[in-house]
Amino acid sequence: MAHPDFDVLFAATDAHLEAVQALRYDVFVRELGGDGALVDHEKGLEKDHYDPFSRHLMLLDRTRGTDIEDQVVGAYRLLDVAGAKQAGSFYSEHEYDLSPLLETNRKLLELGRSCLHRDYRGGTAMFHLWSALAKHILAEKVDVLFGVASFHGIDVDALAQPLALLHHRHLA
């Protein structure tokens, strides 16, 4: 693989969003076996109800051709309070009672659908994505970040170490 030429920007067109959804399909459906009501297997797009109400941060590697779908190697979905109101809820509200958090009237940002192309894991790609995310958080004066993270599999013994770490260091 050539030395990457990273660029990070928000999806601004339908083609950008589809490129993000195509990457998510590769990671969440092809690699991890996920599915969902709005997943488009014919087009290879991992979609859901919250996409139209969210901002999508895209990590591009400009050395991967000129087609945006080839260039998108990382993504994060960001949902703020206004977007959640339009969507009817935050995604996390289907898993957790967020009412104590929502009642604080603090500036909230839900992070979701984070993924990296398999060839970019373990390198500097996540640093570029997180740096852009940090700039956005500062610019928007976000007070609280939250979201749902998934573990691959259901074997509790295999997941004991990361679950214990979350319990002891990050219990909310």
N, C-alpha and C. Protein backbone atom coordinates (compact mmCIF):
# COMPACT_ATOMS: atom_id res chain seq x y z
N MET A 1 0.85 -1.18 0.00
CA MET A 1 0.00 0.00 0.00
C MET A 1 0.90 1.25 0.00
N ALA A 2 0.57 2.20 -0.85
CA ALA A 2 1.30 3.46 -0.91
C ALA A 2 1.09 4.23 0.38
N HIS A 3 2.00 5.16 0.66
CA HIS A 3 1.85 6.00 1.85
C HIS A 3 0.55 6.78 1.73
N PRO A 4 -0.36 6.67 2.73
CA PRO A 4 -1.66 7.34 2.61
C PRO A 4 -1.54 8.86 2.62
N ASP A 5 -2.46 9.50 1.93
CA ASP A 5 -2.61 10.95 1.91
C ASP A 5 -3.99 11.22 2.50
N PHE A 6 -4.05 11.40 3.83
CA PHE A 6 -5.33 11.50 4.52
C PHE A 6 -5.95 12.89 4.43
N ASP A 7 -7.27 12.88 4.37
CA ASP A 7 -8.07 14.09 4.41
C ASP A 7 -9.33 13.71 5.18
N VAL A 8 -9.83 14.61 6.01
CA VAL A 8 -11.05 14.34 6.78
C VAL A 8 -12.03 15.46 6.52
N LEU A 9 -13.26 15.07 6.19
CA LEU A 9 -14.31 16.06 5.95
C LEU A 9 -15.68 15.46 6.26
N PHE A 10 -16.64 16.33 6.35
CA PHE A 10 -18.01 15.87 6.55
C PHE A 10 -18.65 15.54 5.21
N ALA A 11 -19.42 14.47 5.19
CA ALA A 11 -20.18 14.12 3.99
C ALA A 11 -21.07 15.29 3.63
N ALA A 12 -21.02 15.70 2.37
CA ALA A 12 -21.78 16.87 1.93
C ALA A 12 -22.74 16.55 0.78
N THR A 13 -22.64 15.36 0.24
CA THR A 13 -23.49 14.98 -0.90
C THR A 13 -24.04 13.58 -0.69
N ASP A 14 -25.00 13.22 -1.51
CA ASP A 14 -25.52 11.85 -1.46
C ASP A 14 -24.43 10.83 -1.78
N ALA A 15 -23.54 11.17 -2.71
CA ALA A 15 -22.44 10.27 -3.07
C ALA A 15 -21.51 10.06 -1.88
N HIS A 16 -21.25 11.12 -1.10
CA HIS A 16 -20.42 10.99 0.09
C HIS A 16 -21.08 10.03 1.08
N LEU A 17 -22.38 10.24 1.35
CA LEU A 17 -23.08 9.39 2.31
C LEU A 17 -23.08 7.94 1.84
N GLU A 18 -23.29 7.72 0.56
CA GLU A 18 -23.28 6.34 0.05
C GLU A 18 -21.89 5.72 0.17
N ALA A 19 -20.84 6.51 0.02
CA ALA A 19 -19.49 5.99 0.19
C ALA A 19 -19.26 5.57 1.64
N VAL A 20 -19.76 6.36 2.58
CA VAL A 20 -19.68 6.01 4.00
C VAL A 20 -20.47 4.72 4.26
N GLN A 21 -21.69 4.66 3.72
CA GLN A 21 -22.53 3.48 3.93
C GLN A 21 -21.93 2.23 3.28
N ALA A 22 -21.20 2.40 2.18
CA ALA A 22 -20.52 1.27 1.54
C ALA A 22 -19.38 0.75 2.43
N LEU A 23 -18.62 1.66 3.02
CA LEU A 23 -17.57 1.24 3.95
C LEU A 23 -18.19 0.52 5.15
N ARG A 24 -19.25 1.09 5.70
CA ARG A 24 -19.92 0.45 6.83
C ARG A 24 -20.43 -0.94 6.45
N TYR A 25 -20.92 -1.10 5.23
CA TYR A 25 -21.38 -2.41 4.77
C TYR A 25 -20.22 -3.40 4.78
N ASP A 26 -19.07 -2.97 4.25
CA ASP A 26 -17.90 -3.85 4.24
C ASP A 26 -17.51 -4.29 5.65
N VAL A 27 -17.50 -3.34 6.58
CA VAL A 27 -17.06 -3.64 7.94
C VAL A 27 -18.14 -4.36 8.75
N PHE A 28 -19.34 -3.78 8.82
CA PHE A 28 -20.35 -4.31 9.72
C PHE A 28 -21.11 -5.51 9.17
N VAL A 29 -21.29 -5.58 7.86
CA VAL A 29 -22.07 -6.68 7.27
C VAL A 29 -21.14 -7.78 6.77
N ARG A 30 -20.21 -7.43 5.86
CA ARG A 30 -19.33 -8.47 5.30
C ARG A 30 -18.38 -9.06 6.34
N GLU A 31 -17.71 -8.18 7.11
CA GLU A 31 -16.73 -8.67 8.08
C GLU A 31 -17.37 -9.24 9.33
N LEU A 32 -18.34 -8.51 9.88
CA LEU A 32 -18.87 -8.87 11.20
C LEU A 32 -20.21 -9.58 11.16
N GLY A 33 -20.80 -9.72 9.97
CA GLY A 33 -22.05 -10.47 9.85
C GLY A 33 -23.28 -9.74 10.32
N GLY A 34 -23.23 -8.42 10.44
CA GLY A 34 -24.38 -7.64 10.89
C GLY A 34 -25.46 -7.54 9.82
N ASP A 35 -26.59 -7.03 10.22
CA ASP A 35 -27.72 -6.83 9.31
C ASP A 35 -28.63 -5.78 9.93
N GLY A 36 -29.64 -5.39 9.24
CA GLY A 36 -30.59 -4.43 9.76
C GLY A 36 -31.71 -4.23 8.76
N ALA A 37 -32.78 -3.63 9.23
CA ALA A 37 -33.97 -3.47 8.41
C ALA A 37 -33.71 -2.65 7.15
N LEU A 38 -32.83 -1.66 7.23
CA LEU A 38 -32.59 -0.78 6.08
C LEU A 38 -31.30 -1.11 5.32
N VAL A 39 -30.61 -2.18 5.70
CA VAL A 39 -29.39 -2.56 4.99
C VAL A 39 -29.76 -2.93 3.56
N ASP A 40 -29.03 -2.35 2.61
CA ASP A 40 -29.28 -2.60 1.19
C ASP A 40 -28.21 -3.56 0.68
N HIS A 41 -28.55 -4.86 0.69
CA HIS A 41 -27.59 -5.87 0.27
C HIS A 41 -27.31 -5.80 -1.23
N GLU A 42 -28.29 -5.39 -2.00
CA GLU A 42 -28.11 -5.29 -3.45
C GLU A 42 -27.06 -4.25 -3.82
N LYS A 43 -27.13 -3.08 -3.17
CA LYS A 43 -26.18 -2.01 -3.45
C LYS A 43 -24.96 -2.05 -2.53
N GLY A 44 -25.00 -2.90 -1.49
CA GLY A 44 -23.88 -2.98 -0.55
C GLY A 44 -23.77 -1.74 0.33
N LEU A 45 -24.93 -1.30 0.89
CA LEU A 45 -24.96 -0.11 1.74
C LEU A 45 -25.54 -0.45 3.11
N GLU A 46 -24.82 -0.09 4.16
CA GLU A 46 -25.31 -0.28 5.52
C GLU A 46 -25.94 1.03 5.94
N LYS A 47 -27.28 1.04 5.96
CA LYS A 47 -28.05 2.26 6.26
C LYS A 47 -28.87 2.03 7.52
N ASP A 48 -29.28 3.12 8.16
CA ASP A 48 -30.30 3.00 9.19
C ASP A 48 -31.08 4.31 9.31
N HIS A 49 -32.06 4.29 10.17
CA HIS A 49 -32.99 5.40 10.36
C HIS A 49 -32.29 6.71 10.70
N TYR A 50 -31.16 6.66 11.40
CA TYR A 50 -30.51 7.87 11.91
C TYR A 50 -29.61 8.58 10.90
N ASP A 51 -29.28 7.92 9.82
CA ASP A 51 -28.36 8.52 8.85
C ASP A 51 -28.79 9.89 8.33
N PRO A 52 -30.05 10.08 7.94
CA PRO A 52 -30.44 11.39 7.39
C PRO A 52 -30.39 12.54 8.41
N PHE A 53 -30.37 12.20 9.70
CA PHE A 53 -30.43 13.22 10.75
C PHE A 53 -29.05 13.49 11.37
N SER A 54 -28.04 12.83 10.85
CA SER A 54 -26.69 12.88 11.41
C SER A 54 -25.72 13.54 10.46
N ARG A 55 -24.56 13.93 11.03
CA ARG A 55 -23.42 14.35 10.21
C ARG A 55 -22.48 13.16 10.15
N HIS A 56 -21.84 13.00 9.02
CA HIS A 56 -20.97 11.84 8.81
C HIS A 56 -19.56 12.32 8.52
N LEU A 57 -18.66 12.05 9.46
CA LEU A 57 -17.26 12.40 9.30
C LEU A 57 -16.59 11.30 8.48
N MET A 58 -15.89 11.69 7.44
CA MET A 58 -15.27 10.72 6.53
C MET A 58 -13.76 10.90 6.54
N LEU A 59 -13.05 9.79 6.65
CA LEU A 59 -11.60 9.78 6.49
C LEU A 59 -11.31 9.28 5.09
N LEU A 60 -10.61 10.09 4.32
CA LEU A 60 -10.28 9.74 2.94
C LEU A 60 -8.79 9.47 2.82
N ASP A 61 -8.45 8.53 1.98
CA ASP A 61 -7.07 8.34 1.55
C ASP A 61 -7.05 8.71 0.07
N ARG A 62 -6.49 9.88 -0.24
CA ARG A 62 -6.51 10.42 -1.60
C ARG A 62 -5.64 9.61 -2.57
N THR A 63 -4.82 8.69 -2.05
CA THR A 63 -4.01 7.86 -2.95
C THR A 63 -4.80 6.68 -3.52
N ARG A 64 -6.04 6.50 -3.08
CA ARG A 64 -6.85 5.36 -3.52
C ARG A 64 -7.74 5.74 -4.70
N GLY A 65 -7.18 6.35 -5.71
CA GLY A 65 -7.95 6.68 -6.91
C GLY A 65 -8.69 7.98 -6.80
N THR A 66 -9.61 8.20 -7.75
CA THR A 66 -10.36 9.45 -7.80
C THR A 66 -11.81 9.27 -7.38
N ASP A 67 -12.28 8.04 -7.27
CA ASP A 67 -13.66 7.75 -6.89
C ASP A 67 -13.81 7.85 -5.37
N ILE A 68 -14.76 8.65 -4.91
CA ILE A 68 -14.96 8.87 -3.47
C ILE A 68 -15.20 7.55 -2.74
N GLU A 69 -15.91 6.62 -3.37
CA GLU A 69 -16.18 5.35 -2.69
C GLU A 69 -14.88 4.58 -2.42
N ASP A 70 -13.91 4.69 -3.29
CA ASP A 70 -12.62 4.04 -3.07
C ASP A 70 -11.80 4.77 -2.02
N GLN A 71 -11.96 6.08 -1.93
CA GLN A 71 -11.15 6.90 -1.02
C GLN A 71 -11.60 6.83 0.43
N VAL A 72 -12.87 6.58 0.71
CA VAL A 72 -13.35 6.57 2.09
C VAL A 72 -12.83 5.33 2.80
N VAL A 73 -11.99 5.56 3.83
CA VAL A 73 -11.40 4.45 4.58
C VAL A 73 -11.75 4.50 6.06
N GLY A 74 -12.49 5.52 6.48
CA GLY A 74 -12.92 5.63 7.86
C GLY A 74 -14.15 6.50 7.96
N ALA A 75 -14.91 6.28 9.02
CA ALA A 75 -16.15 7.06 9.19
C ALA A 75 -16.58 7.10 10.65
N TYR A 76 -17.30 8.15 10.98
CA TYR A 76 -17.95 8.33 12.28
C TYR A 76 -19.28 9.00 12.00
N ARG A 77 -20.32 8.56 12.69
CA ARG A 77 -21.61 9.23 12.57
C ARG A 77 -21.82 10.04 13.84
N LEU A 78 -22.19 11.32 13.67
CA LEU A 78 -22.38 12.25 14.78
C LEU A 78 -23.83 12.71 14.80
N LEU A 79 -24.48 12.54 15.94
CA LEU A 79 -25.88 12.94 16.08
C LEU A 79 -26.00 13.88 17.26
N ASP A 80 -26.44 15.11 16.99
CA ASP A 80 -26.62 16.09 18.07
C ASP A 80 -28.08 16.10 18.51
N VAL A 81 -28.40 16.94 19.48
CA VAL A 81 -29.75 16.99 20.05
C VAL A 81 -30.78 17.36 18.99
N ALA A 82 -30.46 18.34 18.14
CA ALA A 82 -31.41 18.74 17.10
C ALA A 82 -31.70 17.58 16.15
N GLY A 83 -30.66 16.88 15.74
CA GLY A 83 -30.85 15.72 14.87
C GLY A 83 -31.64 14.62 15.54
N ALA A 84 -31.36 14.39 16.82
CA ALA A 84 -32.09 13.36 17.57
C ALA A 84 -33.57 13.72 17.68
N LYS A 85 -33.88 14.99 17.87
CA LYS A 85 -35.29 15.41 17.91
C LYS A 85 -35.97 15.13 16.58
N GLN A 86 -35.28 15.44 15.49
CA GLN A 86 -35.85 15.16 14.17
C GLN A 86 -36.03 13.67 13.94
N ALA A 87 -35.08 12.87 14.43
CA ALA A 87 -35.13 11.41 14.25
C ALA A 87 -36.12 10.75 15.20
N GLY A 88 -36.48 11.45 16.27
CA GLY A 88 -37.39 10.89 17.26
C GLY A 88 -36.69 10.39 18.51
N SER A 89 -35.37 10.28 18.47
CA SER A 89 -34.59 9.84 19.63
C SER A 89 -33.12 9.77 19.23
N PHE A 90 -32.29 9.57 20.21
CA PHE A 90 -30.91 9.16 19.94
C PHE A 90 -30.92 7.66 19.72
N TYR A 91 -29.98 7.15 18.95
CA TYR A 91 -29.84 5.71 18.74
C TYR A 91 -29.69 4.99 20.09
N SER A 92 -28.89 5.56 20.98
CA SER A 92 -28.60 4.95 22.28
C SER A 92 -29.83 4.79 23.16
N GLU A 93 -30.86 5.58 22.91
CA GLU A 93 -32.07 5.49 23.73
C GLU A 93 -32.78 4.16 23.58
N HIS A 94 -32.43 3.40 22.54
CA HIS A 94 -33.02 2.07 22.37
C HIS A 94 -32.34 1.04 23.25
N GLU A 95 -31.17 1.41 23.80
CA GLU A 95 -30.40 0.50 24.65
C GLU A 95 -30.37 0.95 26.10
N TYR A 96 -30.44 2.27 26.33
CA TYR A 96 -30.24 2.83 27.67
C TYR A 96 -31.25 3.92 27.95
N ASP A 97 -31.50 4.14 29.23
CA ASP A 97 -32.33 5.26 29.68
C ASP A 97 -31.43 6.49 29.74
N LEU A 98 -31.58 7.37 28.79
CA LEU A 98 -30.75 8.57 28.73
C LEU A 98 -31.38 9.78 29.41
N SER A 99 -32.54 9.59 30.04
CA SER A 99 -33.23 10.75 30.61
C SER A 99 -32.37 11.55 31.59
N PRO A 100 -31.57 10.93 32.46
CA PRO A 100 -30.72 11.76 33.34
C PRO A 100 -29.74 12.62 32.55
N LEU A 101 -29.22 12.11 31.47
CA LEU A 101 -28.29 12.86 30.63
C LEU A 101 -29.02 13.96 29.86
N LEU A 102 -30.18 13.63 29.30
CA LEU A 102 -30.94 14.60 28.53
C LEU A 102 -31.44 15.75 29.39
N GLU A 103 -31.71 15.48 30.65
CA GLU A 103 -32.24 16.51 31.56
C GLU A 103 -31.18 17.52 32.00
N THR A 104 -29.91 17.26 31.70
CA THR A 104 -28.85 18.18 32.12
C THR A 104 -28.81 19.44 31.27
N ASN A 105 -29.43 19.40 30.10
CA ASN A 105 -29.38 20.52 29.15
C ASN A 105 -27.95 20.87 28.73
N ARG A 106 -27.06 19.91 28.83
CA ARG A 106 -25.70 20.11 28.35
C ARG A 106 -25.67 19.83 26.84
N LYS A 107 -24.65 20.31 26.18
CA LYS A 107 -24.52 20.09 24.74
C LYS A 107 -24.00 18.68 24.51
N LEU A 108 -24.86 17.84 23.93
CA LEU A 108 -24.58 16.42 23.76
C LEU A 108 -24.24 16.09 22.32
N LEU A 109 -23.41 15.06 22.15
CA LEU A 109 -23.10 14.54 20.83
C LEU A 109 -22.95 13.03 20.93
N GLU A 110 -23.81 12.33 20.19
CA GLU A 110 -23.75 10.88 20.15
C GLU A 110 -22.83 10.46 19.00
N LEU A 111 -21.87 9.59 19.32
CA LEU A 111 -20.96 9.04 18.32
C LEU A 111 -21.40 7.63 18.00
N GLY A 112 -21.41 7.30 16.73
CA GLY A 112 -21.82 5.96 16.34
C GLY A 112 -21.26 5.56 14.99
N ARG A 113 -21.45 4.28 14.67
CA ARG A 113 -21.08 3.71 13.38
C ARG A 113 -19.62 4.01 13.01
N SER A 114 -18.76 4.05 14.01
CA SER A 114 -17.35 4.27 13.77
C SER A 114 -16.73 3.03 13.13
N CYS A 115 -15.97 3.24 12.07
CA CYS A 115 -15.31 2.10 11.45
C CYS A 115 -14.13 2.55 10.61
N LEU A 116 -13.19 1.61 10.44
CA LEU A 116 -12.04 1.80 9.57
C LEU A 116 -11.94 0.62 8.62
N HIS A 117 -11.55 0.91 7.40
CA HIS A 117 -11.25 -0.14 6.43
C HIS A 117 -10.17 -1.04 7.03
N ARG A 118 -10.26 -2.34 6.81
CA ARG A 118 -9.34 -3.31 7.43
C ARG A 118 -7.88 -2.99 7.18
N ASP A 119 -7.54 -2.40 6.04
CA ASP A 119 -6.15 -2.09 5.72
C ASP A 119 -5.59 -0.91 6.49
N TYR A 120 -6.45 -0.18 7.23
CA TYR A 120 -6.02 1.03 7.91
C TYR A 120 -6.06 0.91 9.43
N ARG A 121 -6.33 -0.25 9.93
CA ARG A 121 -6.38 -0.46 11.38
C ARG A 121 -4.96 -0.65 11.90
N GLY A 122 -4.69 -0.04 13.04
CA GLY A 122 -3.38 -0.18 13.66
C GLY A 122 -2.36 0.85 13.21
N GLY A 123 -2.74 1.74 12.32
CA GLY A 123 -1.83 2.80 11.86
C GLY A 123 -2.29 4.16 12.35
N THR A 124 -2.03 5.16 11.54
CA THR A 124 -2.34 6.54 11.94
C THR A 124 -3.74 6.99 11.52
N ALA A 125 -4.49 6.14 10.86
CA ALA A 125 -5.81 6.53 10.35
C ALA A 125 -6.73 7.01 11.48
N MET A 126 -6.80 6.26 12.56
CA MET A 126 -7.69 6.64 13.65
C MET A 126 -7.26 7.96 14.28
N PHE A 127 -5.94 8.21 14.32
CA PHE A 127 -5.45 9.49 14.83
C PHE A 127 -6.03 10.64 14.01
N HIS A 128 -6.03 10.51 12.69
CA HIS A 128 -6.56 11.57 11.81
C HIS A 128 -8.07 11.75 12.03
N LEU A 129 -8.78 10.65 12.16
CA LEU A 129 -10.22 10.72 12.39
C LEU A 129 -10.52 11.37 13.74
N TRP A 130 -9.83 10.94 14.78
CA TRP A 130 -10.05 11.50 16.11
C TRP A 130 -9.61 12.96 16.20
N SER A 131 -8.56 13.33 15.49
CA SER A 131 -8.13 14.74 15.50
C SER A 131 -9.21 15.64 14.91
N ALA A 132 -9.79 15.20 13.80
CA ALA A 132 -10.88 15.97 13.19
C ALA A 132 -12.10 16.00 14.10
N LEU A 133 -12.38 14.89 14.74
CA LEU A 133 -13.50 14.83 15.69
C LEU A 133 -13.25 15.81 16.85
N ALA A 134 -12.04 15.84 17.38
CA ALA A 134 -11.71 16.75 18.48
C ALA A 134 -11.89 18.21 18.06
N LYS A 135 -11.47 18.56 16.85
CA LYS A 135 -11.66 19.93 16.36
C LYS A 135 -13.14 20.28 16.29
N HIS A 136 -13.95 19.33 15.83
CA HIS A 136 -15.40 19.56 15.75
C HIS A 136 -15.99 19.75 17.15
N ILE A 137 -15.58 18.92 18.09
CA ILE A 137 -16.07 19.00 19.47
C ILE A 137 -15.75 20.36 20.07
N LEU A 138 -14.53 20.83 19.86
CA LEU A 138 -14.14 22.15 20.37
C LEU A 138 -14.90 23.27 19.67
N ALA A 139 -15.03 23.19 18.36
CA ALA A 139 -15.72 24.24 17.60
C ALA A 139 -17.19 24.33 18.00
N GLU A 140 -17.81 23.18 18.26
CA GLU A 140 -19.23 23.15 18.61
C GLU A 140 -19.48 23.27 20.11
N LYS A 141 -18.39 23.31 20.88
CA LYS A 141 -18.48 23.41 22.35
C LYS A 141 -19.33 22.29 22.95
N VAL A 142 -19.07 21.07 22.50
CA VAL A 142 -19.79 19.89 22.99
C VAL A 142 -19.34 19.59 24.41
N ASP A 143 -20.31 19.33 25.29
CA ASP A 143 -20.01 19.02 26.69
C ASP A 143 -19.85 17.53 26.95
N VAL A 144 -20.69 16.71 26.31
CA VAL A 144 -20.72 15.28 26.62
C VAL A 144 -20.77 14.47 25.33
N LEU A 145 -19.86 13.50 25.24
CA LEU A 145 -19.87 12.52 24.15
C LEU A 145 -20.39 11.21 24.71
N PHE A 146 -21.19 10.51 23.92
CA PHE A 146 -21.68 9.21 24.34
C PHE A 146 -22.04 8.39 23.11
N GLY A 147 -22.31 7.14 23.31
CA GLY A 147 -22.70 6.29 22.20
C GLY A 147 -22.69 4.83 22.62
N VAL A 148 -23.05 3.98 21.70
CA VAL A 148 -23.11 2.55 21.92
C VAL A 148 -21.95 1.91 21.15
N ALA A 149 -21.24 1.03 21.82
CA ALA A 149 -20.18 0.27 21.15
C ALA A 149 -20.55 -1.20 21.20
N SER A 150 -20.22 -1.90 20.15
CA SER A 150 -20.55 -3.33 20.07
C SER A 150 -19.29 -4.17 20.17
N PHE A 151 -19.46 -5.33 20.76
CA PHE A 151 -18.40 -6.34 20.79
C PHE A 151 -18.78 -7.42 19.80
N HIS A 152 -17.78 -7.99 19.17
CA HIS A 152 -18.02 -9.07 18.21
C HIS A 152 -18.17 -10.38 18.98
N GLY A 153 -19.30 -11.03 18.78
CA GLY A 153 -19.55 -12.32 19.41
C GLY A 153 -20.40 -12.22 20.66
N ILE A 154 -20.70 -13.38 21.23
CA ILE A 154 -21.54 -13.43 22.43
C ILE A 154 -20.92 -14.31 23.52
N ASP A 155 -19.66 -14.72 23.33
CA ASP A 155 -18.96 -15.55 24.31
C ASP A 155 -18.48 -14.64 25.44
N VAL A 156 -19.18 -14.67 26.56
CA VAL A 156 -18.86 -13.80 27.69
C VAL A 156 -17.45 -14.05 28.22
N ASP A 157 -17.01 -15.29 28.21
CA ASP A 157 -15.66 -15.59 28.68
C ASP A 157 -14.61 -14.92 27.80
N ALA A 158 -14.80 -14.95 26.50
CA ALA A 158 -13.87 -14.32 25.57
C ALA A 158 -13.88 -12.80 25.71
N LEU A 159 -15.00 -12.24 26.16
CA LEU A 159 -15.14 -10.79 26.30
C LEU A 159 -14.92 -10.31 27.73
N ALA A 160 -14.55 -11.22 28.64
CA ALA A 160 -14.44 -10.88 30.06
C ALA A 160 -13.47 -9.73 30.31
N GLN A 161 -12.30 -9.74 29.68
CA GLN A 161 -11.31 -8.69 29.93
C GLN A 161 -11.79 -7.31 29.50
N PRO A 162 -12.26 -7.13 28.26
CA PRO A 162 -12.72 -5.78 27.90
C PRO A 162 -13.97 -5.35 28.69
N LEU A 163 -14.85 -6.28 29.01
CA LEU A 163 -16.04 -5.93 29.80
C LEU A 163 -15.64 -5.51 31.21
N ALA A 164 -14.66 -6.21 31.81
CA ALA A 164 -14.19 -5.84 33.14
C ALA A 164 -13.55 -4.46 33.13
N LEU A 165 -12.77 -4.17 32.08
CA LEU A 165 -12.15 -2.85 31.96
C LEU A 165 -13.22 -1.76 31.91
N LEU A 166 -14.23 -1.97 31.09
CA LEU A 166 -15.32 -0.98 31.02
C LEU A 166 -16.02 -0.82 32.37
N HIS A 167 -16.27 -1.92 33.04
CA HIS A 167 -16.96 -1.88 34.34
C HIS A 167 -16.15 -1.09 35.37
N HIS A 168 -14.85 -1.34 35.42
CA HIS A 168 -14.01 -0.73 36.46
C HIS A 168 -13.54 0.68 36.13
N ARG A 169 -13.45 1.02 34.87
CA ARG A 169 -12.89 2.35 34.52
C ARG A 169 -13.90 3.30 33.87
N HIS A 170 -15.00 2.76 33.32
CA HIS A 170 -15.88 3.63 32.53
C HIS A 170 -17.36 3.40 32.81
N LEU A 171 -17.68 2.91 33.98
CA LEU A 171 -19.08 2.65 34.30
C LEU A 171 -19.85 3.97 34.42
N ALA A 172 -20.91 4.09 33.65
CA ALA A 172 -21.70 5.33 33.68
C ALA A 172 -23.01 5.08 34.41
